[in-house]
Amino acid sequence: MSDEEALPYRFGIETGGQYEVHNFGFSGYGTHQMLAALETGLVDSIIDCNPKHVVYQGGYFHIPRAAGLSSWDKEGPYFEVVSADSVEYRGGFDEQEEPDDVFSVLIDWTGLDSLISGLHRPPDGRDYDRVVGILENSRRYVEENYPDAEFHVLFMDDKRRGPIPFYAFAWSRPSLPETLGERGFHVLHLNEALPDFEEQPEQYRIHAEEGHPNAMAQALIARYLAAELTHSTPAH
């Protein structure tokens, strides 16, 4: 996919160039990289405008990422839950103690971690709470440092299904969009931008076997986002 097909660029087109759009996304990133970019001053060092909208785009798959369960992110920023609505940076994932529970030992012994993206255990309720805390910290940072900006959550509602129970926490937690809505977040649903997503998700994917949105999906999401953020009829 070219840069011109990506969501940030398409959003700029859909809003007629009225916004200076900055894209801080990167392949394999999650909520934890977003918060780190904010708290370390990376975002502030790059933008040269007065932000009006800050959009986090993600989904349930960011819960294991923020817990350090991704094989490609062994040195990523680790945030620990310290209260019901807050987290604190505690160094990189590689600086944390290795899990020693039975599940982790079994995964290591069988070598299955290489088949499940480095997953040493299923995400649990605390991992769910970590993402909520990361989003709370991020929203507070935006409110305190960019008072004219609104913080939005653009969320993919589907839970990935497969042989590994990535979402073992689900039995003890409500849906993440529901939790965020109750906390006052402005939650936008990617599924609403993509007609027939539940019935035919493959038409919106770059490859049928994984969920990254293709150019058509990016264009539709950008149109939806532009309409929601500007409260206007999107361009055609």
Protein backbone atom coordinates (compact mmCIF):
# COMPACT_ATOMS: atom_id res chain seq x y z
CA MET A 1 0.00 0.00 0.00
CA SER A 2 1.32 3.45 -0.94
CA ASP A 3 1.38 6.46 1.38
CA GLU A 4 -1.38 8.03 -0.70
CA GLU A 5 -3.66 5.09 0.13
CA ALA A 6 -3.11 5.22 3.89
CA LEU A 7 -5.77 6.48 6.30
CA PRO A 8 -4.03 9.74 7.40
CA TYR A 9 -3.51 10.86 3.80
CA ARG A 10 -7.05 9.90 2.81
CA PHE A 11 -8.41 11.78 5.84
CA GLY A 12 -6.60 14.89 4.61
CA ILE A 13 -8.24 14.48 1.21
CA GLU A 14 -11.69 13.90 2.70
CA THR A 15 -11.43 17.05 4.83
CA GLY A 16 -10.28 19.20 1.91
CA GLY A 17 -6.84 19.89 3.35
CA GLN A 18 -8.18 21.89 6.29
CA TYR A 19 -6.03 19.86 8.72
CA GLU A 20 -2.29 19.36 8.92
CA VAL A 21 -2.25 15.60 9.43
CA HIS A 22 0.55 13.82 11.32
CA ASN A 23 0.80 10.04 11.24
CA PHE A 24 2.58 8.46 14.23
CA GLY A 25 1.52 4.92 13.41
CA PHE A 26 4.03 2.17 12.59
CA SER A 27 3.73 -1.50 11.78
CA GLY A 28 3.30 -3.56 14.94
CA TYR A 29 2.77 -0.58 17.25
CA GLY A 30 0.13 -0.41 19.94
CA THR A 31 -1.30 1.80 22.65
CA HIS A 32 1.95 1.63 24.64
CA GLN A 33 3.97 3.24 21.83
CA MET A 34 1.35 5.97 21.55
CA LEU A 35 1.61 6.85 25.24
CA ALA A 36 5.41 6.67 25.15
CA ALA A 37 5.51 9.02 22.16
CA LEU A 38 3.36 11.49 24.07
CA GLU A 39 5.09 11.28 27.45
CA THR A 40 8.65 11.40 26.09
CA GLY A 41 7.89 14.54 24.08
CA LEU A 42 8.31 12.89 20.68
CA VAL A 43 4.94 14.10 19.44
CA ASP A 44 5.48 17.62 20.73
CA SER A 45 8.90 17.81 19.07
CA ILE A 46 7.42 17.00 15.66
CA ILE A 47 4.09 18.78 15.38
CA ASP A 48 4.12 22.44 14.42
CA CYS A 49 0.41 23.12 14.74
CA ASN A 50 -2.29 23.54 17.38
CA PRO A 51 -3.89 20.06 17.50
CA LYS A 52 -7.65 19.83 17.13
CA HIS A 53 -8.07 16.06 17.02
CA VAL A 54 -5.97 13.18 18.33
CA VAL A 55 -7.08 9.77 17.06
CA TYR A 56 -6.00 6.41 18.44
CA GLN A 57 -6.77 3.58 16.02
CA GLY A 58 -6.69 0.04 17.33
CA GLY A 59 -8.57 -3.00 18.53
CA TYR A 60 -8.50 -5.98 20.86
CA PHE A 61 -5.20 -7.15 19.35
CA HIS A 62 -3.49 -4.23 21.09
CA ILE A 63 -4.14 -5.84 24.48
CA PRO A 64 -1.48 -8.57 24.08
CA ARG A 65 0.84 -6.06 22.40
CA ALA A 66 0.74 -3.69 25.38
CA ALA A 67 1.45 -6.66 27.66
CA GLY A 68 4.70 -7.45 25.84
CA LEU A 69 3.41 -10.64 24.22
CA SER A 70 4.55 -9.83 20.68
CA SER A 71 7.71 -11.44 19.29
CA TRP A 72 8.65 -8.27 17.36
CA ASP A 73 8.45 -5.91 20.33
CA LYS A 74 10.72 -7.35 23.02
CA GLU A 75 12.18 -3.93 23.92
CA GLY A 76 8.97 -1.92 23.71
CA PRO A 77 7.77 0.38 26.52
CA TYR A 78 6.16 -1.39 29.46
CA PHE A 79 3.45 0.32 31.52
CA GLU A 80 2.24 -1.09 34.83
CA VAL A 81 -1.27 -0.53 36.19
CA VAL A 82 -1.07 1.62 39.34
CA SER A 83 -4.73 2.58 39.80
CA ALA A 84 -8.15 2.12 38.24
CA ASP A 85 -7.40 4.77 35.62
CA SER A 86 -3.63 5.17 35.46
CA VAL A 87 -0.41 3.42 34.46
CA GLU A 88 3.28 4.18 34.96
CA TYR A 89 6.26 3.52 32.71
CA ARG A 90 8.49 0.79 34.17
CA GLY A 91 11.14 0.38 31.49
CA GLY A 92 11.21 -1.93 28.49
CA PHE A 93 9.58 -5.35 28.20
CA ASP A 94 13.07 -6.87 28.23
CA GLU A 95 13.69 -5.39 31.68
CA GLN A 96 10.76 -7.19 33.29
CA GLU A 97 10.89 -10.53 35.08
CA GLU A 98 10.14 -13.53 32.91
CA PRO A 99 6.84 -15.30 33.75
CA ASP A 100 7.28 -18.62 35.53
CA ASP A 101 3.73 -19.97 35.60
CA VAL A 102 2.90 -23.42 34.29
CA PHE A 103 1.43 -22.14 31.02
CA SER A 104 4.57 -20.10 30.25
CA VAL A 105 6.89 -23.03 31.03
CA LEU A 106 4.84 -25.34 28.81
CA ILE A 107 4.85 -22.86 25.92
CA ASP A 108 8.63 -22.48 26.16
CA TRP A 109 9.22 -26.23 26.44
CA THR A 110 7.11 -27.10 23.40
CA GLY A 111 8.44 -24.24 21.28
CA LEU A 112 4.92 -23.08 20.51
CA ASP A 113 5.86 -19.46 21.17
CA SER A 114 7.41 -19.28 17.70
CA LEU A 115 4.02 -20.19 16.22
CA ILE A 116 1.94 -17.69 18.19
CA SER A 117 3.88 -14.43 17.81
CA GLY A 118 5.91 -14.92 20.98
CA LEU A 119 2.86 -15.37 23.17
CA HIS A 120 3.95 -16.82 26.52
CA ARG A 121 0.49 -16.72 28.05
CA PRO A 122 -3.03 -15.63 27.15
CA PRO A 123 -3.83 -11.98 27.94
CA ASP A 124 -5.78 -11.61 31.15
CA GLY A 125 -7.91 -9.04 32.94
CA ARG A 126 -4.90 -7.02 34.10
CA ASP A 127 -3.72 -6.71 30.49
CA TYR A 128 -7.18 -5.40 29.60
CA ASP A 129 -6.93 -2.90 32.49
CA ARG A 130 -3.47 -1.87 31.29
CA VAL A 131 -4.81 -0.78 27.90
CA VAL A 132 -7.65 1.14 29.57
CA GLY A 133 -5.08 2.87 31.80
CA ILE A 134 -2.83 3.67 28.85
CA LEU A 135 -5.75 5.27 27.03
CA GLU A 136 -6.68 7.23 30.18
CA ASN A 137 -3.11 8.53 30.51
CA SER A 138 -3.05 9.42 26.83
CA ARG A 139 -6.33 11.30 27.04
CA ARG A 140 -5.16 13.23 30.11
CA TYR A 141 -1.92 14.15 28.39
CA VAL A 142 -3.82 15.49 25.39
CA GLU A 143 -6.25 17.45 27.58
CA GLU A 144 -3.43 19.00 29.62
CA ASN A 145 -1.03 19.77 26.79
CA TYR A 146 -3.34 20.39 23.82
CA PRO A 147 -6.42 22.01 25.39
CA ASP A 148 -8.06 22.67 22.01
CA ALA A 149 -7.83 19.02 20.96
CA GLU A 150 -10.34 16.19 21.27
CA PHE A 151 -9.19 12.63 21.92
CA HIS A 152 -10.91 9.92 19.87
CA VAL A 153 -10.77 6.12 19.86
CA LEU A 154 -11.23 4.55 16.42
CA PHE A 155 -11.85 0.91 17.27
CA MET A 156 -12.05 -2.35 15.36
CA ASP A 157 -14.70 -4.30 17.27
CA ASP A 158 -14.05 -7.83 16.05
CA LYS A 159 -12.10 -10.27 18.22
CA ARG A 160 -9.63 -12.39 16.29
CA ARG A 161 -10.56 -16.04 16.31
CA GLY A 162 -8.03 -18.84 16.06
CA PRO A 163 -6.54 -21.88 17.80
CA ILE A 164 -5.01 -19.79 20.59
CA PRO A 165 -7.43 -18.14 23.08
CA PHE A 166 -6.02 -14.60 22.83
CA TYR A 167 -8.98 -13.20 24.75
CA ALA A 168 -9.17 -15.32 27.86
CA PHE A 169 -9.92 -12.14 29.82
CA ALA A 170 -13.25 -11.68 28.02
CA TRP A 171 -15.25 -13.66 30.55
CA SER A 172 -14.36 -11.22 33.34
CA ARG A 173 -14.47 -7.94 31.44
CA PRO A 174 -17.11 -6.13 29.37
CA SER A 175 -16.41 -5.18 25.78
CA LEU A 176 -13.60 -2.64 25.55
CA PRO A 177 -15.66 -0.07 23.59
CA GLU A 178 -18.37 -0.36 26.24
CA THR A 179 -15.87 0.31 29.03
CA LEU A 180 -14.37 3.27 27.21
CA GLY A 181 -17.80 4.70 26.45
CA GLU A 182 -18.75 4.51 30.12
CA ARG A 183 -15.54 6.40 30.93
CA GLY A 184 -16.49 9.23 28.60
CA PHE A 185 -14.27 8.41 25.64
CA HIS A 186 -15.49 9.34 22.18
CA VAL A 187 -15.50 5.89 20.58
CA LEU A 188 -15.80 5.53 16.82
CA HIS A 189 -16.37 2.08 15.34
CA LEU A 190 -14.40 1.02 12.28
CA ASN A 191 -17.07 -1.56 11.54
CA GLU A 192 -19.57 1.24 10.93
CA ALA A 193 -17.38 2.52 8.11
CA LEU A 194 -17.19 -0.83 6.33
CA PRO A 195 -20.46 -2.22 4.93
CA ASP A 196 -20.86 -6.00 5.35
CA PHE A 197 -17.66 -6.25 7.37
CA GLU A 198 -19.02 -9.00 9.58
CA GLU A 199 -20.28 -11.04 6.62
CA GLN A 200 -17.38 -10.49 4.18
CA PRO A 201 -14.32 -9.18 6.06
CA GLU A 202 -11.89 -10.51 3.45
CA GLN A 203 -12.91 -7.81 0.95
CA TYR A 204 -11.41 -5.18 3.26
CA ARG A 205 -8.12 -6.94 3.97
CA ILE A 206 -4.78 -6.70 2.21
CA HIS A 207 -4.48 -10.47 2.60
CA ALA A 208 -7.35 -12.79 3.46
CA GLU A 209 -5.41 -14.47 6.27
CA GLU A 210 -4.71 -11.30 8.27
CA GLY A 211 -6.69 -8.25 9.19
CA HIS A 212 -4.78 -5.20 7.99
CA PRO A 213 -7.18 -2.98 5.99
CA ASN A 214 -6.59 -2.55 2.27
CA ALA A 215 -6.78 0.66 0.24
CA MET A 216 -10.56 0.44 -0.20
CA ALA A 217 -11.05 0.03 3.54
CA GLN A 218 -8.70 2.92 4.29
CA ALA A 219 -10.67 5.20 1.98
CA LEU A 220 -14.00 4.24 3.55
CA ILE A 221 -12.65 4.64 7.08
CA ALA A 222 -11.21 8.05 6.21
CA ARG A 223 -14.57 9.18 4.85
CA TYR A 224 -16.34 7.96 8.00
CA LEU A 225 -13.77 9.60 10.26
CA ALA A 226 -13.98 12.91 8.39
CA ALA A 227 -17.75 12.96 8.70
CA GLU A 228 -17.67 12.11 12.42
CA LEU A 229 -14.97 14.63 13.34
CA THR A 230 -16.20 17.53 11.24
CA HIS A 231 -19.93 16.77 11.55
CA SER A 232 -20.29 17.32 7.84
CA THR A 233 -21.09 15.37 4.70
CA PRO A 234 -17.84 13.77 3.50
CA ALA A 235 -16.41 14.64 0.10
CA HIS A 236 -16.95 12.31 -2.86
